[in-house]
Amino acid sequence: MKKLGKLVFEFYATVGVPLVYLFGLVLIAYTEGEVMPIFWQILGLAIALVGLLMWILSYVQLGRSFGVLPRAQKRVKRGMYAYYKHPMYLSIMAAYVGLSVASGSGVGILYTVLVIWPLLVYRAREEDKKLED
């Protein structure tokens, strides 16, 4: 029975984490925000673009080590991972903050700070427990 509970948790976490990210993007896109001055729109888009590019690059650098749930394996120490433990999480935050600023979405900022950030911190801590240096 314990194994079944673990499998159910893994299923919901594997499906749920991407849905949390998707819901944040939907909130940013579809909630009415302030009309931001062009400087803030450009700055927000630049931050989001850098975040998105870093997100993709960190995914590529992880290769087969990528997973939604942490598992016991060797820590990746190449590319951005040679300088930061969790560049993907940093890039996710940059993308969400940048998109929220560009669109003037206060709801997006709140969601990022109250949901995305704690989720990323939790995931980073869990990964650190399982990864071997």
N, C-alpha and C. Protein backbone atom coordinates (compact mmCIF):
# COMPACT_ATOMS: atom_id res chain seq x y z
N MET A 1 0.82 -1.20 0.00
CA MET A 1 0.00 0.00 0.00
C MET A 1 0.86 1.26 0.00
N LYS A 2 2.00 1.20 0.73
CA LYS A 2 2.90 2.35 0.80
C LYS A 2 3.47 2.68 -0.58
N LYS A 3 3.79 1.64 -1.35
CA LYS A 3 4.33 1.83 -2.69
C LYS A 3 3.28 2.47 -3.61
N LEU A 4 2.03 2.08 -3.45
CA LEU A 4 0.95 2.66 -4.25
C LEU A 4 0.83 4.16 -3.94
N GLY A 5 0.90 4.52 -2.66
CA GLY A 5 0.82 5.93 -2.28
C GLY A 5 1.95 6.73 -2.88
N LYS A 6 3.15 6.16 -2.92
CA LYS A 6 4.30 6.83 -3.52
C LYS A 6 4.09 7.01 -5.02
N LEU A 7 3.56 5.99 -5.68
CA LEU A 7 3.29 6.09 -7.12
C LEU A 7 2.24 7.15 -7.43
N VAL A 8 1.21 7.21 -6.60
CA VAL A 8 0.15 8.21 -6.79
C VAL A 8 0.74 9.61 -6.61
N PHE A 9 1.55 9.80 -5.56
CA PHE A 9 2.19 11.09 -5.33
C PHE A 9 3.08 11.47 -6.51
N GLU A 10 3.89 10.52 -6.99
CA GLU A 10 4.78 10.80 -8.11
C GLU A 10 4.00 11.18 -9.37
N PHE A 11 2.89 10.50 -9.60
CA PHE A 11 2.06 10.84 -10.76
C PHE A 11 1.53 12.26 -10.65
N TYR A 12 0.91 12.58 -9.52
CA TYR A 12 0.33 13.92 -9.35
C TYR A 12 1.40 15.00 -9.36
N ALA A 13 2.58 14.73 -8.80
CA ALA A 13 3.65 15.71 -8.81
C ALA A 13 4.19 15.91 -10.23
N THR A 14 4.34 14.82 -10.96
CA THR A 14 4.86 14.91 -12.33
C THR A 14 3.90 15.67 -13.23
N VAL A 15 2.62 15.52 -13.02
CA VAL A 15 1.62 16.24 -13.81
C VAL A 15 1.38 17.63 -13.20
N GLY A 16 1.38 17.70 -11.88
CA GLY A 16 1.01 18.94 -11.20
C GLY A 16 2.02 20.06 -11.31
N VAL A 17 3.30 19.75 -11.24
CA VAL A 17 4.31 20.81 -11.30
C VAL A 17 4.23 21.57 -12.63
N PRO A 18 4.23 20.89 -13.78
CA PRO A 18 4.07 21.65 -15.03
C PRO A 18 2.74 22.43 -15.09
N LEU A 19 1.68 21.88 -14.50
CA LEU A 19 0.40 22.59 -14.49
C LEU A 19 0.48 23.87 -13.65
N VAL A 20 1.25 23.84 -12.56
CA VAL A 20 1.44 25.04 -11.75
C VAL A 20 2.13 26.12 -12.60
N TYR A 21 3.14 25.72 -13.36
CA TYR A 21 3.83 26.67 -14.24
C TYR A 21 2.88 27.20 -15.32
N LEU A 22 2.13 26.30 -15.92
CA LEU A 22 1.19 26.70 -16.98
C LEU A 22 0.13 27.65 -16.43
N PHE A 23 -0.41 27.34 -15.26
CA PHE A 23 -1.43 28.21 -14.66
C PHE A 23 -0.87 29.61 -14.43
N GLY A 24 0.37 29.71 -14.01
CA GLY A 24 1.00 31.01 -13.82
C GLY A 24 1.07 31.80 -15.11
N LEU A 25 1.42 31.13 -16.20
CA LEU A 25 1.47 31.81 -17.49
C LEU A 25 0.09 32.27 -17.93
N VAL A 26 -0.92 31.45 -17.68
CA VAL A 26 -2.29 31.82 -18.03
C VAL A 26 -2.73 33.03 -17.20
N LEU A 27 -2.41 33.03 -15.92
CA LEU A 27 -2.73 34.18 -15.08
C LEU A 27 -2.09 35.46 -15.61
N ILE A 28 -0.82 35.37 -15.94
CA ILE A 28 -0.11 36.55 -16.44
C ILE A 28 -0.74 37.03 -17.75
N ALA A 29 -1.08 36.10 -18.62
CA ALA A 29 -1.60 36.46 -19.93
C ALA A 29 -3.03 36.99 -19.90
N TYR A 30 -3.85 36.45 -19.00
CA TYR A 30 -5.27 36.75 -19.08
C TYR A 30 -5.84 37.60 -17.95
N THR A 31 -5.02 38.03 -17.02
CA THR A 31 -5.53 38.96 -16.01
C THR A 31 -5.18 40.37 -16.44
N GLU A 32 -6.12 41.25 -16.23
CA GLU A 32 -5.88 42.64 -16.61
C GLU A 32 -4.87 43.26 -15.68
N GLY A 33 -3.86 43.83 -16.26
CA GLY A 33 -2.83 44.49 -15.48
C GLY A 33 -2.77 45.96 -15.81
N GLU A 34 -1.86 46.63 -15.16
CA GLU A 34 -1.61 48.03 -15.45
C GLU A 34 -0.98 48.15 -16.84
N VAL A 35 -1.29 49.22 -17.53
CA VAL A 35 -0.59 49.50 -18.78
C VAL A 35 0.74 50.12 -18.38
N MET A 36 1.79 49.37 -18.64
CA MET A 36 3.12 49.78 -18.21
C MET A 36 3.75 50.72 -19.23
N PRO A 37 4.56 51.67 -18.74
CA PRO A 37 5.32 52.50 -19.68
C PRO A 37 6.23 51.62 -20.54
N ILE A 38 6.56 52.09 -21.71
CA ILE A 38 7.32 51.28 -22.67
C ILE A 38 8.65 50.80 -22.09
N PHE A 39 9.30 51.62 -21.26
CA PHE A 39 10.56 51.20 -20.64
C PHE A 39 10.37 49.91 -19.85
N TRP A 40 9.32 49.84 -19.04
CA TRP A 40 9.07 48.66 -18.21
C TRP A 40 8.66 47.45 -19.04
N GLN A 41 7.92 47.72 -20.12
CA GLN A 41 7.55 46.62 -21.01
C GLN A 41 8.78 46.00 -21.67
N ILE A 42 9.67 46.86 -22.16
CA ILE A 42 10.89 46.37 -22.81
C ILE A 42 11.79 45.68 -21.80
N LEU A 43 11.96 46.29 -20.62
CA LEU A 43 12.79 45.68 -19.59
C LEU A 43 12.23 44.31 -19.18
N GLY A 44 10.93 44.25 -18.96
CA GLY A 44 10.29 42.99 -18.59
C GLY A 44 10.46 41.93 -19.66
N LEU A 45 10.27 42.30 -20.92
CA LEU A 45 10.44 41.34 -22.01
C LEU A 45 11.89 40.89 -22.13
N ALA A 46 12.84 41.80 -21.91
CA ALA A 46 14.26 41.43 -21.96
C ALA A 46 14.59 40.43 -20.85
N ILE A 47 14.09 40.68 -19.65
CA ILE A 47 14.32 39.76 -18.53
C ILE A 47 13.68 38.40 -18.83
N ALA A 48 12.46 38.44 -19.35
CA ALA A 48 11.77 37.19 -19.68
C ALA A 48 12.50 36.43 -20.78
N LEU A 49 13.01 37.13 -21.78
CA LEU A 49 13.72 36.48 -22.87
C LEU A 49 15.01 35.84 -22.38
N VAL A 50 15.77 36.57 -21.56
CA VAL A 50 17.00 36.00 -20.99
C VAL A 50 16.64 34.78 -20.14
N GLY A 51 15.58 34.90 -19.33
CA GLY A 51 15.13 33.76 -18.51
C GLY A 51 14.75 32.57 -19.36
N LEU A 52 14.02 32.82 -20.43
CA LEU A 52 13.59 31.73 -21.31
C LEU A 52 14.79 31.06 -21.98
N LEU A 53 15.72 31.86 -22.47
CA LEU A 53 16.91 31.29 -23.11
C LEU A 53 17.75 30.49 -22.12
N MET A 54 17.90 31.01 -20.89
CA MET A 54 18.63 30.28 -19.86
C MET A 54 17.90 28.99 -19.50
N TRP A 55 16.58 29.05 -19.46
CA TRP A 55 15.75 27.88 -19.14
C TRP A 55 16.01 26.77 -20.16
N ILE A 56 15.98 27.15 -21.44
CA ILE A 56 16.21 26.17 -22.50
C ILE A 56 17.64 25.64 -22.43
N LEU A 57 18.62 26.53 -22.26
CA LEU A 57 20.01 26.11 -22.19
C LEU A 57 20.26 25.19 -20.99
N SER A 58 19.68 25.51 -19.85
CA SER A 58 19.87 24.66 -18.68
C SER A 58 19.22 23.29 -18.89
N TYR A 59 18.09 23.26 -19.57
CA TYR A 59 17.44 21.99 -19.90
C TYR A 59 18.34 21.15 -20.79
N VAL A 60 18.92 21.77 -21.82
CA VAL A 60 19.81 21.07 -22.73
C VAL A 60 21.05 20.56 -21.98
N GLN A 61 21.60 21.39 -21.10
CA GLN A 61 22.80 21.00 -20.36
C GLN A 61 22.52 19.86 -19.37
N LEU A 62 21.30 19.77 -18.88
CA LEU A 62 20.97 18.65 -17.99
C LEU A 62 20.92 17.33 -18.74
N GLY A 63 20.49 17.38 -19.98
CA GLY A 63 20.41 16.15 -20.78
C GLY A 63 19.53 15.10 -20.12
N ARG A 64 20.06 13.90 -19.96
CA ARG A 64 19.30 12.79 -19.39
C ARG A 64 19.06 12.95 -17.89
N SER A 65 19.73 13.92 -17.28
CA SER A 65 19.56 14.13 -15.84
C SER A 65 18.29 14.90 -15.51
N PHE A 66 17.63 15.44 -16.54
CA PHE A 66 16.41 16.22 -16.29
C PHE A 66 15.29 15.32 -15.80
N GLY A 67 14.56 15.81 -14.82
CA GLY A 67 13.37 15.12 -14.33
C GLY A 67 12.52 16.09 -13.52
N VAL A 68 11.24 15.88 -13.54
CA VAL A 68 10.34 16.74 -12.76
C VAL A 68 10.54 16.47 -11.27
N LEU A 69 10.71 15.20 -10.92
CA LEU A 69 10.93 14.84 -9.52
C LEU A 69 12.41 14.51 -9.31
N PRO A 70 12.96 14.91 -8.17
CA PRO A 70 14.37 14.62 -7.91
C PRO A 70 14.59 13.12 -7.70
N ARG A 71 15.75 12.67 -8.12
CA ARG A 71 16.13 11.27 -7.90
C ARG A 71 17.62 11.21 -7.62
N ALA A 72 18.04 10.14 -7.00
CA ALA A 72 19.45 9.98 -6.66
C ALA A 72 20.26 9.79 -7.94
N GLN A 73 21.17 10.70 -8.17
CA GLN A 73 22.06 10.63 -9.33
C GLN A 73 23.21 11.61 -9.12
N LYS A 74 24.17 11.59 -10.02
CA LYS A 74 25.30 12.51 -9.95
C LYS A 74 24.83 13.92 -10.29
N ARG A 75 25.38 14.91 -9.58
CA ARG A 75 25.07 16.31 -9.86
C ARG A 75 25.75 16.71 -11.17
N VAL A 76 25.03 17.42 -12.03
CA VAL A 76 25.60 17.94 -13.27
C VAL A 76 26.49 19.12 -12.91
N LYS A 77 27.70 19.13 -13.46
CA LYS A 77 28.65 20.21 -13.14
C LYS A 77 29.27 20.79 -14.40
N ARG A 78 28.49 20.86 -15.47
CA ARG A 78 28.99 21.45 -16.71
C ARG A 78 28.07 22.60 -17.11
N GLY A 79 28.57 23.44 -17.98
CA GLY A 79 27.78 24.58 -18.44
C GLY A 79 27.44 25.52 -17.28
N MET A 80 26.23 25.99 -17.26
CA MET A 80 25.79 26.89 -16.18
C MET A 80 25.82 26.19 -14.83
N TYR A 81 25.69 24.88 -14.84
CA TYR A 81 25.68 24.11 -13.59
C TYR A 81 27.06 24.08 -12.92
N ALA A 82 28.08 24.51 -13.62
CA ALA A 82 29.41 24.63 -13.01
C ALA A 82 29.46 25.86 -12.10
N TYR A 83 28.57 26.83 -12.32
CA TYR A 83 28.57 28.08 -11.57
C TYR A 83 27.42 28.20 -10.58
N TYR A 84 26.27 27.61 -10.92
CA TYR A 84 25.08 27.68 -10.08
C TYR A 84 24.54 26.27 -9.88
N LYS A 85 24.01 26.01 -8.70
CA LYS A 85 23.43 24.68 -8.46
C LYS A 85 22.13 24.49 -9.24
N HIS A 86 21.34 25.53 -9.33
CA HIS A 86 20.00 25.40 -9.92
C HIS A 86 19.71 26.54 -10.90
N PRO A 87 20.45 26.61 -12.03
CA PRO A 87 20.19 27.70 -12.97
C PRO A 87 18.82 27.64 -13.62
N MET A 88 18.25 26.44 -13.72
CA MET A 88 16.92 26.35 -14.31
C MET A 88 15.89 27.08 -13.45
N TYR A 89 16.02 26.94 -12.14
CA TYR A 89 15.06 27.60 -11.26
C TYR A 89 15.24 29.12 -11.28
N LEU A 90 16.48 29.57 -11.37
CA LEU A 90 16.74 31.00 -11.50
C LEU A 90 16.13 31.53 -12.79
N SER A 91 16.27 30.76 -13.86
CA SER A 91 15.73 31.19 -15.15
C SER A 91 14.20 31.17 -15.16
N ILE A 92 13.59 30.23 -14.48
CA ILE A 92 12.13 30.20 -14.39
C ILE A 92 11.63 31.45 -13.67
N MET A 93 12.30 31.80 -12.57
CA MET A 93 11.91 33.02 -11.84
C MET A 93 12.07 34.25 -12.73
N ALA A 94 13.17 34.34 -13.46
CA ALA A 94 13.39 35.49 -14.34
C ALA A 94 12.30 35.57 -15.40
N ALA A 95 11.95 34.45 -15.99
CA ALA A 95 10.91 34.45 -17.03
C ALA A 95 9.57 34.92 -16.47
N TYR A 96 9.18 34.42 -15.31
CA TYR A 96 7.89 34.80 -14.73
C TYR A 96 7.87 36.25 -14.28
N VAL A 97 8.95 36.69 -13.63
CA VAL A 97 9.00 38.09 -13.19
C VAL A 97 9.01 39.01 -14.41
N GLY A 98 9.81 38.68 -15.41
CA GLY A 98 9.87 39.51 -16.61
C GLY A 98 8.54 39.62 -17.32
N LEU A 99 7.86 38.50 -17.50
CA LEU A 99 6.54 38.52 -18.16
C LEU A 99 5.53 39.31 -17.33
N SER A 100 5.58 39.15 -16.02
CA SER A 100 4.66 39.87 -15.14
C SER A 100 4.89 41.38 -15.21
N VAL A 101 6.15 41.78 -15.20
CA VAL A 101 6.48 43.21 -15.29
C VAL A 101 6.06 43.76 -16.65
N ALA A 102 6.40 43.06 -17.71
CA ALA A 102 6.08 43.52 -19.06
C ALA A 102 4.58 43.71 -19.27
N SER A 103 3.79 42.82 -18.68
CA SER A 103 2.34 42.90 -18.87
C SER A 103 1.64 43.70 -17.77
N GLY A 104 2.41 44.14 -16.78
CA GLY A 104 1.81 44.90 -15.68
C GLY A 104 0.90 44.05 -14.83
N SER A 105 1.19 42.76 -14.75
CA SER A 105 0.32 41.83 -14.03
C SER A 105 0.73 41.72 -12.56
N GLY A 106 0.01 42.43 -11.72
CA GLY A 106 0.21 42.30 -10.28
C GLY A 106 -0.14 40.90 -9.80
N VAL A 107 -1.16 40.31 -10.39
CA VAL A 107 -1.54 38.94 -10.06
C VAL A 107 -0.40 37.98 -10.42
N GLY A 108 0.25 38.23 -11.54
CA GLY A 108 1.37 37.41 -11.95
C GLY A 108 2.54 37.51 -10.98
N ILE A 109 2.82 38.72 -10.52
CA ILE A 109 3.89 38.92 -9.53
C ILE A 109 3.53 38.18 -8.24
N LEU A 110 2.29 38.35 -7.78
CA LEU A 110 1.86 37.67 -6.55
C LEU A 110 1.96 36.15 -6.70
N TYR A 111 1.50 35.62 -7.80
CA TYR A 111 1.55 34.18 -8.04
C TYR A 111 3.00 33.70 -8.06
N THR A 112 3.86 34.48 -8.71
CA THR A 112 5.27 34.12 -8.78
C THR A 112 5.90 34.08 -7.40
N VAL A 113 5.61 35.08 -6.60
CA VAL A 113 6.21 35.17 -5.26
C VAL A 113 5.60 34.17 -4.29
N LEU A 114 4.29 33.97 -4.37
CA LEU A 114 3.60 33.12 -3.39
C LEU A 114 3.51 31.64 -3.77
N VAL A 115 3.63 31.34 -5.06
CA VAL A 115 3.48 29.94 -5.50
C VAL A 115 4.74 29.41 -6.19
N ILE A 116 5.20 30.12 -7.23
CA ILE A 116 6.34 29.62 -8.01
C ILE A 116 7.61 29.61 -7.16
N TRP A 117 7.91 30.71 -6.50
CA TRP A 117 9.15 30.79 -5.72
C TRP A 117 9.21 29.71 -4.63
N PRO A 118 8.17 29.57 -3.78
CA PRO A 118 8.24 28.50 -2.78
C PRO A 118 8.36 27.10 -3.40
N LEU A 119 7.69 26.88 -4.52
CA LEU A 119 7.79 25.59 -5.20
C LEU A 119 9.23 25.34 -5.66
N LEU A 120 9.87 26.35 -6.23
CA LEU A 120 11.24 26.20 -6.69
C LEU A 120 12.21 25.98 -5.53
N VAL A 121 12.00 26.69 -4.44
CA VAL A 121 12.86 26.51 -3.26
C VAL A 121 12.71 25.09 -2.72
N TYR A 122 11.48 24.63 -2.63
CA TYR A 122 11.22 23.27 -2.16
C TYR A 122 11.89 22.25 -3.07
N ARG A 123 11.71 22.40 -4.38
CA ARG A 123 12.30 21.46 -5.32
C ARG A 123 13.82 21.47 -5.24
N ALA A 124 14.42 22.66 -5.11
CA ALA A 124 15.88 22.76 -5.00
C ALA A 124 16.38 22.04 -3.75
N ARG A 125 15.69 22.23 -2.64
CA ARG A 125 16.10 21.56 -1.39
C ARG A 125 15.99 20.04 -1.51
N GLU A 126 14.91 19.58 -2.12
CA GLU A 126 14.74 18.14 -2.30
C GLU A 126 15.79 17.56 -3.24
N GLU A 127 16.12 18.30 -4.29
CA GLU A 127 17.17 17.84 -5.20
C GLU A 127 18.51 17.77 -4.50
N ASP A 128 18.81 18.80 -3.71
CA ASP A 128 20.10 18.83 -3.00
C ASP A 128 20.25 17.63 -2.06
N LYS A 129 19.15 17.16 -1.50
CA LYS A 129 19.20 15.98 -0.62
C LYS A 129 19.55 14.71 -1.40
N LYS A 130 19.11 14.64 -2.66
CA LYS A 130 19.26 13.40 -3.42
C LYS A 130 20.47 13.37 -4.34
N LEU A 131 20.96 14.54 -4.76
CA LEU A 131 22.06 14.56 -5.71
C LEU A 131 23.40 14.30 -5.04
N GLU A 132 24.25 13.56 -5.74
CA GLU A 132 25.59 13.25 -5.26
C GLU A 132 26.57 14.24 -5.88
N ASP A 133 27.48 14.77 -5.05
CA ASP A 133 28.49 15.70 -5.59
C ASP A 133 29.61 14.99 -6.28
